[in-house]
PDB file of N, CA and C in Angstrom:
ATOM      1  N   UNK A   1       0.759  -1.110  -0.020  1.00  0.00           N
ATOM      2  CA  UNK A   1      -0.084   0.021   0.006  1.00  0.00           C
ATOM      3  C   UNK A   1       0.964   1.241   0.124  1.00  0.00           C
ATOM      4  N   UNK A   2       0.563   2.201  -0.946  1.00  0.00           N
ATOM      5  CA  UNK A   2       1.434   3.518  -1.079  1.00  0.00           C
ATOM      6  C   UNK A   2       0.927   4.294   0.173  1.00  0.00           C
ATOM      7  N   UNK A   3       1.927   5.467   0.300  1.00  0.00           N
ATOM      8  CA  UNK A   3       1.743   6.286   1.356  1.00  0.00           C
ATOM      9  C   UNK A   3       0.534   7.208   0.864  1.00  0.00           C
ATOM     10  N   UNK A   4       0.165   7.496  -0.354  1.00  0.00           N
ATOM     11  CA  UNK A   4      -0.940   8.212  -0.670  1.00  0.00           C
ATOM     12  C   UNK A   4      -2.211   7.371  -0.432  1.00  0.00           C
ATOM     13  N   UNK A   5      -2.136   6.067  -0.673  1.00  0.00           N
ATOM     14  CA  UNK A   5      -3.478   5.373  -0.178  1.00  0.00           C
ATOM     15  C   UNK A   5      -3.626   5.371   1.136  1.00  0.00           C
ATOM     16  N   UNK A   6      -2.591   5.321   2.049  1.00  0.00           N
ATOM     17  CA  UNK A   6      -2.740   5.362   3.506  1.00  0.00           C
ATOM     18  C   UNK A   6      -3.384   6.624   3.934  1.00  0.00           C
ATOM     19  N   UNK A   7      -2.808   7.620   3.273  1.00  0.00           N
ATOM     20  CA  UNK A   7      -3.295   8.968   3.624  1.00  0.00           C
ATOM     21  C   UNK A   7      -4.740   9.269   3.318  1.00  0.00           C
ATOM     22  N   UNK A   8      -5.163   8.686   2.158  1.00  0.00           N
ATOM     23  CA  UNK A   8      -6.488   8.887   1.658  1.00  0.00           C
ATOM     24  C   UNK A   8      -7.445   8.004   2.608  1.00  0.00           C
ATOM     25  N   UNK A   9      -6.937   6.927   3.269  1.00  0.00           N
ATOM     26  CA  UNK A   9      -7.744   6.043   4.131  1.00  0.00           C
ATOM     27  C   UNK A   9      -7.984   6.829   5.517  1.00  0.00           C
ATOM     28  N   UNK A  10      -6.744   7.550   5.746  1.00  0.00           N
ATOM     29  CA  UNK A  10      -6.940   8.211   7.159  1.00  0.00           C
ATOM     30  C   UNK A  10      -7.890   9.568   6.938  1.00  0.00           C
ATOM     31  N   UNK A  11      -8.010  10.007   5.897  1.00  0.00           N
ATOM     32  CA  UNK A  11      -8.869  11.080   5.586  1.00  0.00           C
ATOM     33  C   UNK A  11      -8.137  12.416   5.704  1.00  0.00           C
ATOM     34  N   UNK A  12      -6.801  12.238   5.228  1.00  0.00           N
ATOM     35  CA  UNK A  12      -5.998  13.648   5.375  1.00  0.00           C
ATOM     36  C   UNK A  12      -6.236  14.271   4.060  1.00  0.00           C
ATOM     37  N   UNK A  13      -6.493  13.513   2.849  1.00  0.00           N
ATOM     38  CA  UNK A  13      -6.847  14.152   1.640  1.00  0.00           C
ATOM     39  C   UNK A  13      -8.343  14.704   1.697  1.00  0.00           C
ATOM     40  N   UNK A  14      -8.509  15.907   1.330  1.00  0.00           N
ATOM     41  CA  UNK A  14      -9.900  16.328   1.291  1.00  0.00           C
ATOM     42  C   UNK A  14     -10.412  15.835  -0.276  1.00  0.00           C
ATOM     43  N   UNK A  15     -11.753  16.179  -0.350  1.00  0.00           N
ATOM     44  CA  UNK A  15     -12.476  15.838  -1.502  1.00  0.00           C
ATOM     45  C   UNK A  15     -12.251  16.761  -2.551  1.00  0.00           C
ATOM     46  N   UNK A  16     -11.541  17.965  -2.209  1.00  0.00           N
ATOM     47  CA  UNK A  16     -11.460  19.290  -3.177  1.00  0.00           C
ATOM     48  C   UNK A  16     -10.205  18.726  -4.023  1.00  0.00           C
ATOM     49  N   UNK A  17      -9.194  18.169  -3.702  1.00  0.00           N
ATOM     50  CA  UNK A  17      -8.034  17.792  -4.413  1.00  0.00           C
ATOM     51  C   UNK A  17      -7.087  17.120  -3.749  1.00  0.00           C
ATOM     52  N   UNK A  18      -6.040  16.606  -4.488  1.00  0.00           N
ATOM     53  CA  UNK A  18      -5.079  15.714  -3.786  1.00  0.00           C
ATOM     54  C   UNK A  18      -4.019  16.611  -3.037  1.00  0.00           C
ATOM     55  N   UNK A  19      -4.299  16.434  -1.641  1.00  0.00           N
ATOM     56  CA  UNK A  19      -3.360  16.989  -0.790  1.00  0.00           C
ATOM     57  C   UNK A  19      -3.850  18.531  -0.273  1.00  0.00           C
ATOM     58  N   UNK A  20      -5.012  18.725  -0.546  1.00  0.00           N
ATOM     59  CA  UNK A  20      -5.486  20.293  -0.303  1.00  0.00           C
ATOM     60  C   UNK A  20      -5.633  20.396   1.226  1.00  0.00           C
ATOM     61  N   UNK A  21      -5.873  19.398   1.926  1.00  0.00           N
ATOM     62  CA  UNK A  21      -5.957  19.811   3.367  1.00  0.00           C
ATOM     63  C   UNK A  21      -4.655  19.606   4.017  1.00  0.00           C
ATOM     64  N   UNK A  22      -3.536  19.096   3.455  1.00  0.00           N
ATOM     65  CA  UNK A  22      -2.213  19.385   3.910  1.00  0.00           C
ATOM     66  C   UNK A  22      -1.744  20.524   3.594  1.00  0.00           C
ATOM     67  N   UNK A  23      -2.003  21.138   2.359  1.00  0.00           N
ATOM     68  CA  UNK A  23      -1.672  22.417   2.120  1.00  0.00           C
ATOM     69  C   UNK A  23      -2.186  23.486   2.936  1.00  0.00           C
ATOM     70  N   UNK A  24      -3.413  23.354   3.207  1.00  0.00           N
ATOM     71  CA  UNK A  24      -4.043  24.564   4.109  1.00  0.00           C
ATOM     72  C   UNK A  24      -3.340  24.430   5.322  1.00  0.00           C
ATOM     73  N   UNK A  25      -2.642  23.427   5.838  1.00  0.00           N
ATOM     74  CA  UNK A  25      -2.003  23.285   7.140  1.00  0.00           C
ATOM     75  C   UNK A  25      -0.548  24.067   6.908  1.00  0.00           C
ATOM     76  N   UNK A  26      -0.255  23.900   5.921  1.00  0.00           N
ATOM     77  CA  UNK A  26       1.281  24.340   5.548  1.00  0.00           C
ATOM     78  C   UNK A  26       1.344  25.736   5.522  1.00  0.00           C
ATOM     79  N   UNK A  27       0.385  26.410   5.031  1.00  0.00           N
ATOM     80  CA  UNK A  27       0.330  28.018   4.979  1.00  0.00           C
ATOM     81  C   UNK A  27       0.446  28.653   6.229  1.00  0.00           C
ATOM     82  N   UNK A  28      -0.235  28.385   7.313  1.00  0.00           N
ATOM     83  CA  UNK A  28      -0.010  29.136   8.405  1.00  0.00           C
ATOM     84  C   UNK A  28       1.335  28.590   9.165  1.00  0.00           C
ATOM     85  N   UNK A  29       1.920  27.541   9.039  1.00  0.00           N
ATOM     86  CA  UNK A  29       3.018  27.136   9.496  1.00  0.00           C
ATOM     87  C   UNK A  29       4.076  27.612   8.991  1.00  0.00           C
ATOM     88  N   UNK A  30       4.153  27.903   7.671  1.00  0.00           N
ATOM     89  CA  UNK A  30       5.248  28.452   6.985  1.00  0.00           C
ATOM     90  C   UNK A  30       5.309  29.890   7.215  1.00  0.00           C
ATOM     91  N   UNK A  31       3.988  30.686   7.345  1.00  0.00           N
ATOM     92  CA  UNK A  31       4.028  31.977   7.649  1.00  0.00           C
ATOM     93  C   UNK A  31       4.676  32.233   9.082  1.00  0.00           C
ATOM     94  N   UNK A  32       4.257  31.178   9.960  1.00  0.00           N
ATOM     95  CA  UNK A  32       4.820  31.445  11.424  1.00  0.00           C
ATOM     96  C   UNK A  32       6.470  31.409  11.451  1.00  0.00           C
ATOM     97  N   UNK A  33       6.878  30.392  10.732  1.00  0.00           N
ATOM     98  CA  UNK A  33       8.220  30.244  10.415  1.00  0.00           C
ATOM     99  C   UNK A  33       8.931  31.343   9.969  1.00  0.00           C
ATOM    100  N   UNK A  34       8.367  32.208   9.051  1.00  0.00           N
ATOM    101  CA  UNK A  34       8.757  33.228   8.319  1.00  0.00           C
ATOM    102  C   UNK A  34       8.894  34.448   9.257  1.00  0.00           C
ATOM    103  N   UNK A  35       7.834  34.726  10.080  1.00  0.00           N
ATOM    104  CA  UNK A  35       7.538  35.865  11.020  1.00  0.00           C
ATOM    105  C   UNK A  35       8.595  35.298  12.141  1.00  0.00           C
ATOM    106  N   UNK A  36       8.942  34.383  12.561  1.00  0.00           N
ATOM    107  CA  UNK A  36       9.985  33.925  13.702  1.00  0.00           C
ATOM    108  C   UNK A  36      11.387  34.225  13.156  1.00  0.00           C
ATOM    109  N   UNK A  37      11.743  33.890  12.014  1.00  0.00           N
ATOM    110  CA  UNK A  37      13.128  34.202  11.335  1.00  0.00           C
ATOM    111  C   UNK A  37      13.198  35.649  11.116  1.00  0.00           C
ATOM    112  N   UNK A  38      12.171  36.427  10.804  1.00  0.00           N
ATOM    113  CA  UNK A  38      12.231  37.978  10.654  1.00  0.00           C
ATOM    114  C   UNK A  38      12.397  38.370  11.918  1.00  0.00           C
ATOM    115  N   UNK A  39      11.918  38.014  13.103  1.00  0.00           N
ATOM    116  CA  UNK A  39      12.028  38.480  14.336  1.00  0.00           C
ATOM    117  C   UNK A  39      13.517  38.245  14.803  1.00  0.00           C
ATOM    118  N   UNK A  40      13.907  36.842  14.665  1.00  0.00           N
ATOM    119  CA  UNK A  40      15.288  36.660  15.180  1.00  0.00           C
ATOM    120  C   UNK A  40      16.422  37.456  14.182  1.00  0.00           C
ATOM    121  N   UNK A  41      16.038  37.564  13.031  1.00  0.00           N
ATOM    122  CA  UNK A  41      16.915  38.427  12.249  1.00  0.00           C
ATOM    123  C   UNK A  41      17.067  39.714  12.554  1.00  0.00           C
ATOM    124  N   UNK A  42      15.959  40.367  12.865  1.00  0.00           N
ATOM    125  CA  UNK A  42      15.887  41.817  13.371  1.00  0.00           C
ATOM    126  C   UNK A  42      16.815  41.857  14.492  1.00  0.00           C
ATOM    127  N   UNK A  43      16.589  40.905  15.600  1.00  0.00           N
ATOM    128  CA  UNK A  43      17.422  40.998  16.823  1.00  0.00           C
ATOM    129  C   UNK A  43      18.697  40.902  16.470  1.00  0.00           C
ATOM    130  N   UNK A  44      19.186  39.784  15.726  1.00  0.00           N
ATOM    131  CA  UNK A  44      20.767  39.723  15.359  1.00  0.00           C
ATOM    132  C   UNK A  44      21.185  41.062  14.592  1.00  0.00           C
ATOM    133  N   UNK A  45      20.303  41.755  13.843  1.00  0.00           N
ATOM    134  CA  UNK A  45      20.899  42.768  12.925  1.00  0.00           C
ATOM    135  C   UNK A  45      21.179  44.076  14.002  1.00  0.00           C
ATOM    136  N   UNK A  46      19.949  44.401  14.712  1.00  0.00           N
ATOM    137  CA  UNK A  46      19.856  45.616  15.467  1.00  0.00           C
ATOM    138  C   UNK A  46      20.304  45.546  16.921  1.00  0.00           C
ATOM    139  N   UNK A  47      20.363  44.375  17.562  1.00  0.00           N
ATOM    140  CA  UNK A  47      20.822  44.305  18.957  1.00  0.00           C
ATOM    141  C   UNK A  47      21.792  43.169  19.147  1.00  0.00           C
ATOM    142  N   UNK A  48      22.994  43.247  18.275  1.00  0.00           N
ATOM    143  CA  UNK A  48      23.689  42.016  18.344  1.00  0.00           C
ATOM    144  C   UNK A  48      24.515  41.980  19.624  1.00  0.00           C
ATOM    145  N   UNK A  49      24.861  43.129  20.178  1.00  0.00           N
ATOM    146  CA  UNK A  49      25.495  43.047  21.477  1.00  0.00           C
ATOM    147  C   UNK A  49      24.556  42.362  22.630  1.00  0.00           C
ATOM    148  N   UNK A  50      23.518  42.727  22.519  1.00  0.00           N
ATOM    149  CA  UNK A  50      22.387  42.206  23.478  1.00  0.00           C
ATOM    150  C   UNK A  50      22.226  40.714  23.355  1.00  0.00           C
ATOM    151  N   UNK A  51      22.248  40.162  22.047  1.00  0.00           N
ATOM    152  CA  UNK A  51      22.004  38.856  21.681  1.00  0.00           C
ATOM    153  C   UNK A  51      23.376  38.057  22.007  1.00  0.00           C
ATOM    154  N   UNK A  52      24.575  38.785  22.004  1.00  0.00           N
ATOM    155  CA  UNK A  52      25.819  38.070  22.453  1.00  0.00           C
ATOM    156  C   UNK A  52      25.870  37.952  23.876  1.00  0.00           C
ATOM    157  N   UNK A  53      25.319  38.913  24.681  1.00  0.00           N
ATOM    158  CA  UNK A  53      25.418  38.931  26.227  1.00  0.00           C
ATOM    159  C   UNK A  53      24.515  37.791  26.782  1.00  0.00           C
ATOM    160  N   UNK A  54      23.374  37.671  25.838  1.00  0.00           N
ATOM    161  CA  UNK A  54      22.181  36.675  26.213  1.00  0.00           C
ATOM    162  C   UNK A  54      23.082  35.214  26.055  1.00  0.00           C
ATOM    163  N   UNK A  55      23.548  35.046  24.826  1.00  0.00           N
ATOM    164  CA  UNK A  55      24.319  33.851  24.681  1.00  0.00           C
ATOM    165  C   UNK A  55      25.280  33.592  25.605  1.00  0.00           C
ATOM    166  N   UNK A  56      26.078  34.518  25.910  1.00  0.00           N
ATOM    167  CA  UNK A  56      27.147  34.298  27.071  1.00  0.00           C
ATOM    168  C   UNK A  56      26.522  33.822  28.455  1.00  0.00           C
ATOM    169  N   UNK A  57      25.491  34.632  28.791  1.00  0.00           N
ATOM    170  CA  UNK A  57      24.786  34.231  30.113  1.00  0.00           C
ATOM    171  C   UNK A  57      24.335  32.760  29.940  1.00  0.00           C
ATOM    172  N   UNK A  58      23.719  32.141  28.887  1.00  0.00           N
ATOM    173  CA  UNK A  58      23.366  31.032  28.729  1.00  0.00           C
ATOM    174  C   UNK A  58      24.410  30.070  28.803  1.00  0.00           C
ATOM    175  N   UNK A  59      25.651  30.610  28.170  1.00  0.00           N
ATOM    176  CA  UNK A  59      26.695  29.551  28.216  1.00  0.00           C
ATOM    177  C   UNK A  59      27.420  29.392  29.595  1.00  0.00           C
ATOM    178  N   UNK A  60      27.422  30.577  30.394  1.00  0.00           N
ATOM    179  CA  UNK A  60      28.026  30.380  31.664  1.00  0.00           C
ATOM    180  C   UNK A  60      26.977  29.737  32.710  1.00  0.00           C
ATOM    181  N   UNK A  61      25.821  29.430  32.347  1.00  0.00           N
ATOM    182  CA  UNK A  61      24.903  28.923  33.268  1.00  0.00           C
ATOM    183  C   UNK A  61      24.518  27.400  32.850  1.00  0.00           C
ATOM    184  N   UNK A  62      25.174  27.033  31.778  1.00  0.00           N
ATOM    185  CA  UNK A  62      24.994  25.781  31.289  1.00  0.00           C
ATOM    186  C   UNK A  62      25.909  24.774  32.016  1.00  0.00           C
ATOM    187  N   UNK A  63      25.666  23.520  31.628  1.00  0.00           N
ATOM    188  CA  UNK A  63      26.372  22.355  32.235  1.00  0.00           C
ATOM    189  C   UNK A  63      27.860  22.314  31.423  1.00  0.00           C
ATOM    190  N   UNK A  64      28.940  21.868  32.133  1.00  0.00           N
ATOM    191  CA  UNK A  64      30.318  21.858  31.839  1.00  0.00           C
ATOM    192  C   UNK A  64      30.366  21.159  30.498  1.00  0.00           C
ATOM    193  N   UNK A  65      29.547  20.014  30.424  1.00  0.00           N
ATOM    194  CA  UNK A  65      29.580  19.311  29.165  1.00  0.00           C
ATOM    195  C   UNK A  65      29.205  20.149  27.959  1.00  0.00           C
ATOM    196  N   UNK A  66      28.099  21.039  27.875  1.00  0.00           N
ATOM    197  CA  UNK A  66      27.826  21.783  26.841  1.00  0.00           C
ATOM    198  C   UNK A  66      28.750  23.022  26.759  1.00  0.00           C
ATOM    199  N   UNK A  67      29.505  23.438  27.613  1.00  0.00           N
ATOM    200  CA  UNK A  67      30.539  24.398  27.573  1.00  0.00           C
ATOM    201  C   UNK A  67      31.796  23.760  26.735  1.00  0.00           C
ATOM    202  N   UNK A  68      31.893  22.661  26.806  1.00  0.00           N
ATOM    203  CA  UNK A  68      33.148  22.173  26.118  1.00  0.00           C
ATOM    204  C   UNK A  68      32.813  21.728  25.023  1.00  0.00           C
ATOM    205  N   UNK A  69      31.644  21.778  24.282  1.00  0.00           N
ATOM    206  CA  UNK A  69      31.495  21.537  22.759  1.00  0.00           C
ATOM    207  C   UNK A  69      32.339  22.196  21.934  1.00  0.00           C
ATOM    208  N   UNK A  70      32.737  21.751  20.749  1.00  0.00           N
ATOM    209  CA  UNK A  70      33.520  22.508  19.786  1.00  0.00           C
ATOM    210  C   UNK A  70      32.834  23.791  19.533  1.00  0.00           C
ATOM    211  N   UNK A  71      33.677  24.780  19.133  1.00  0.00           N
ATOM    212  CA  UNK A  71      33.143  26.049  18.723  1.00  0.00           C
ATOM    213  C   UNK A  71      32.202  26.614  20.052  1.00  0.00           C
ATOM    214  N   UNK A  72      32.048  26.269  21.150  1.00  0.00           N
ATOM    215  CA  UNK A  72      31.208  26.929  22.168  1.00  0.00           C
ATOM    216  C   UNK A  72      31.819  28.216  22.703  1.00  0.00           C
ATOM    217  N   UNK A  73      33.070  28.222  22.431  1.00  0.00           N
ATOM    218  CA  UNK A  73      33.615  29.750  23.010  1.00  0.00           C
ATOM    219  C   UNK A  73      33.572  30.790  21.899  1.00  0.00           C
ATOM    220  N   UNK A  74      33.005  30.588  20.850  1.00  0.00           N
ATOM    221  CA  UNK A  74      32.871  31.466  19.655  1.00  0.00           C
ATOM    222  C   UNK A  74      32.187  32.906  20.324  1.00  0.00           C
ATOM    223  N   UNK A  75      31.268  32.557  21.156  1.00  0.00           N
ATOM    224  CA  UNK A  75      30.398  33.821  21.540  1.00  0.00           C
ATOM    225  C   UNK A  75      31.230  34.650  22.397  1.00  0.00           C
ATOM    226  N   UNK A  76      32.428  34.377  22.832  1.00  0.00           N
ATOM    227  CA  UNK A  76      33.073  35.447  23.589  1.00  0.00           C
ATOM    228  C   UNK A  76      34.258  36.139  22.514  1.00  0.00           C
ATOM    229  N   UNK A  77      34.138  35.865  21.341  1.00  0.00           N
ATOM    230  CA  UNK A  77      35.176  36.535  20.454  1.00  0.00           C
ATOM    231  C   UNK A  77      34.671  37.924  20.041  1.00  0.00           C
ATOM    232  N   UNK A  78      35.489  38.921  19.977  1.00  0.00           N
ATOM    233  CA  UNK A  78      35.136  40.168  19.663  1.00  0.00           C
ATOM    234  C   UNK A  78      34.356  40.280  18.225  1.00  0.00           C
ATOM    235  N   UNK A  79      34.551  39.427  17.320  1.00  0.00           N
ATOM    236  CA  UNK A  79      33.905  39.599  16.156  1.00  0.00           C
ATOM    237  C   UNK A  79      32.521  38.864  16.009  1.00  0.00           C
ATOM    238  N   UNK A  80      32.003  38.434  17.104  1.00  0.00           N
ATOM    239  CA  UNK A  80      30.861  37.794  17.172  1.00  0.00           C
ATOM    240  C   UNK A  80      29.568  38.508  16.729  1.00  0.00           C
ATOM    241  N   UNK A  81      29.606  39.875  17.366  1.00  0.00           N
ATOM    242  CA  UNK A  81      28.474  40.778  16.930  1.00  0.00           C
ATOM    243  C   UNK A  81      28.428  40.928  15.302  1.00  0.00           C
ATOM    244  N   UNK A  82      29.668  40.988  14.678  1.00  0.00           N
ATOM    245  CA  UNK A  82      29.294  41.059  13.055  1.00  0.00           C
ATOM    246  C   UNK A  82      28.947  39.867  12.541  1.00  0.00           C
ATOM    247  N   UNK A  83      29.395  38.544  13.238  1.00  0.00           N
ATOM    248  CA  UNK A  83      28.818  37.426  12.805  1.00  0.00           C
ATOM    249  C   UNK A  83      27.282  37.215  12.907  1.00  0.00           C
ATOM    250  N   UNK A  84      27.006  37.918  13.992  1.00  0.00           N
ATOM    251  CA  UNK A  84      25.194  37.694  14.125  1.00  0.00           C
ATOM    252  C   UNK A  84      24.589  38.791  13.208  1.00  0.00           C
ATOM    253  N   UNK A  85      24.994  39.795  12.879  1.00  0.00           N
ATOM    254  CA  UNK A  85      24.605  40.583  11.958  1.00  0.00           C
ATOM    255  C   UNK A  85      24.517  40.074  10.648  1.00  0.00           C
ATOM    256  N   UNK A  86      25.513  39.323  10.043  1.00  0.00           N
ATOM    257  CA  UNK A  86      25.648  38.447   8.896  1.00  0.00           C
ATOM    258  C   UNK A  86      24.521  37.413   8.869  1.00  0.00           C
ATOM    259  N   UNK A  87      24.275  36.794  10.008  1.00  0.00           N
ATOM    260  CA  UNK A  87      23.532  35.721  10.129  1.00  0.00           C
ATOM    261  C   UNK A  87      21.921  36.331  10.065  1.00  0.00           C
ATOM    262  N   UNK A  88      21.785  37.374  10.571  1.00  0.00           N
ATOM    263  CA  UNK A  88      20.539  38.029  10.663  1.00  0.00           C
ATOM    264  C   UNK A  88      20.251  38.386   9.205  1.00  0.00           C
ATOM    265  N   UNK A  89      21.047  38.908   8.397  1.00  0.00           N
ATOM    266  CA  UNK A  89      20.629  39.277   6.896  1.00  0.00           C
ATOM    267  C   UNK A  89      20.250  37.891   6.392  1.00  0.00           C
ATOM    268  N   UNK A  90      21.080  36.879   6.689  1.00  0.00           N
ATOM    269  CA  UNK A  90      20.380  35.575   6.033  1.00  0.00           C
ATOM    270  C   UNK A  90      19.082  34.956   6.382  1.00  0.00           C
ATOM    271  N   UNK A  91      18.955  35.244   7.697  1.00  0.00           N
ATOM    272  CA  UNK A  91      17.649  34.914   8.302  1.00  0.00           C
ATOM    273  C   UNK A  91      16.350  35.764   7.677  1.00  0.00           C
ATOM    274  N   UNK A  92      16.692  37.035   7.283  1.00  0.00           N
ATOM    275  CA  UNK A  92      15.826  37.815   6.642  1.00  0.00           C
ATOM    276  C   UNK A  92      15.520  37.546   5.269  1.00  0.00           C
ATOM    277  N   UNK A  93      16.615  37.012   4.529  1.00  0.00           N
ATOM    278  CA  UNK A  93      16.462  36.508   3.224  1.00  0.00           C
ATOM    279  C   UNK A  93      15.794  35.154   3.140  1.00  0.00           C
ATOM    280  N   UNK A  94      15.907  34.313   4.237  1.00  0.00           N
ATOM    281  CA  UNK A  94      15.126  33.067   4.077  1.00  0.00           C
ATOM    282  C   UNK A  94      13.647  33.396   4.602  1.00  0.00           C
ATOM    283  N   UNK A  95      13.455  34.230   5.476  1.00  0.00           N
ATOM    284  CA  UNK A  95      12.120  34.651   5.768  1.00  0.00           C
ATOM    285  C   UNK A  95      11.379  35.156   4.535  1.00  0.00           C
ATOM    286  N   UNK A  96      11.960  36.127   3.746  1.00  0.00           N
ATOM    287  CA  UNK A  96      11.312  36.648   2.470  1.00  0.00           C
ATOM    288  C   UNK A  96      11.104  35.706   1.405  1.00  0.00           C
ATOM    289  N   UNK A  97      12.017  34.425   1.381  1.00  0.00           N
ATOM    290  CA  UNK A  97      11.755  33.319   0.447  1.00  0.00           C
ATOM    291  C   UNK A  97      10.568  32.598   1.004  1.00  0.00           C
ATOM    292  N   UNK A  98      10.495  32.221   2.298  1.00  0.00           N
ATOM    293  CA  UNK A  98       9.211  31.599   2.724  1.00  0.00           C
ATOM    294  C   UNK A  98       7.817  32.420   2.438  1.00  0.00           C
ATOM    295  N   UNK A  99       7.866  33.878   2.807  1.00  0.00           N
ATOM    296  CA  UNK A  99       6.690  34.401   2.544  1.00  0.00           C
ATOM    297  C   UNK A  99       6.449  34.514   1.106  1.00  0.00           C
ATOM    298  N   UNK A 100       7.472  34.745   0.053  1.00  0.00           N
ATOM    299  CA  UNK A 100       7.146  34.742  -1.220  1.00  0.00           C
ATOM    300  C   UNK A 100       6.698  33.323  -1.684  1.00  0.00           C
ATOM    301  N   UNK A 101       7.083  32.139  -1.191  1.00  0.00           N
ATOM    302  CA  UNK A 101       6.517  30.872  -1.520  1.00  0.00           C
ATOM    303  C   UNK A 101       5.108  30.842  -0.894  1.00  0.00           C
ATOM    304  N   UNK A 102       4.871  31.330   0.171  1.00  0.00           N
ATOM    305  CA  UNK A 102       3.267  31.189   0.648  1.00  0.00           C
ATOM    306  C   UNK A 102       2.457  31.939  -0.447  1.00  0.00           C
ATOM    307  N   UNK A 103       2.743  33.241  -0.631  1.00  0.00           N
ATOM    308  CA  UNK A 103       2.028  34.377  -1.544  1.00  0.00           C
ATOM    309  C   UNK A 103       1.865  33.769  -2.768  1.00  0.00           C
ATOM    310  N   UNK A 104       3.175  33.172  -3.423  1.00  0.00           N
ATOM    311  CA  UNK A 104       3.013  32.666  -4.784  1.00  0.00           C
ATOM    312  C   UNK A 104       2.085  31.475  -4.862  1.00  0.00           C
ATOM    313  N   UNK A 105       2.079  30.722  -3.763  1.00  0.00           N
ATOM    314  CA  UNK A 105       1.194  29.549  -3.785  1.00  0.00           C
ATOM    315  C   UNK A 105      -0.344  30.044  -3.555  1.00  0.00           C
ATOM    316  N   UNK A 106      -0.551  30.929  -2.977  1.00  0.00           N
ATOM    317  CA  UNK A 106      -1.943  31.539  -2.679  1.00  0.00           C
ATOM    318  C   UNK A 106      -2.379  32.364  -4.142  1.00  0.00           C
ATOM    319  N   UNK A 107      -1.499  32.815  -4.734  1.00  0.00           N
ATOM    320  CA  UNK A 107      -1.813  33.644  -6.037  1.00  0.00           C
ATOM    321  C   UNK A 107      -2.018  32.610  -7.129  1.00  0.00           C
ATOM    322  N   UNK A 108      -1.564  31.237  -7.098  1.00  0.00           N
ATOM    323  CA  UNK A 108      -1.852  30.396  -8.038  1.00  0.00           C
ATOM    324  C   UNK A 108      -3.472  29.725  -7.974  1.00  0.00           C
ATOM    325  N   UNK A 109      -4.114  29.952  -6.850  1.00  0.00           N
ATOM    326  CA  UNK A 109      -5.255  29.365  -6.686  1.00  0.00           C
ATOM    327  C   UNK A 109      -6.368  30.053  -7.552  1.00  0.00           C
TER     328      UNK A 109
END
């Protein structure tokens, strides 16, 4: 039995079309991920020192096992705020891509 047949038996697919019910669930989830990425990217771009301080506090209060992970000490480097700004730009670009994917899917209907 194929995966599609299993999903049809469970009633996941609606009668409107193949996979329409799953598609309706993915639109809000994708938009929520896009909004979350935009918020995290905003914090990384506009408040990198605050983000670095928060990461350092989390690092200092964590278990020694986690403090000894490879690259765990990067948050103490002086260039880390620049890295956060760069990653914030990438988060914004990915959030824009997700929003574009959602709105282009809605426009095709």
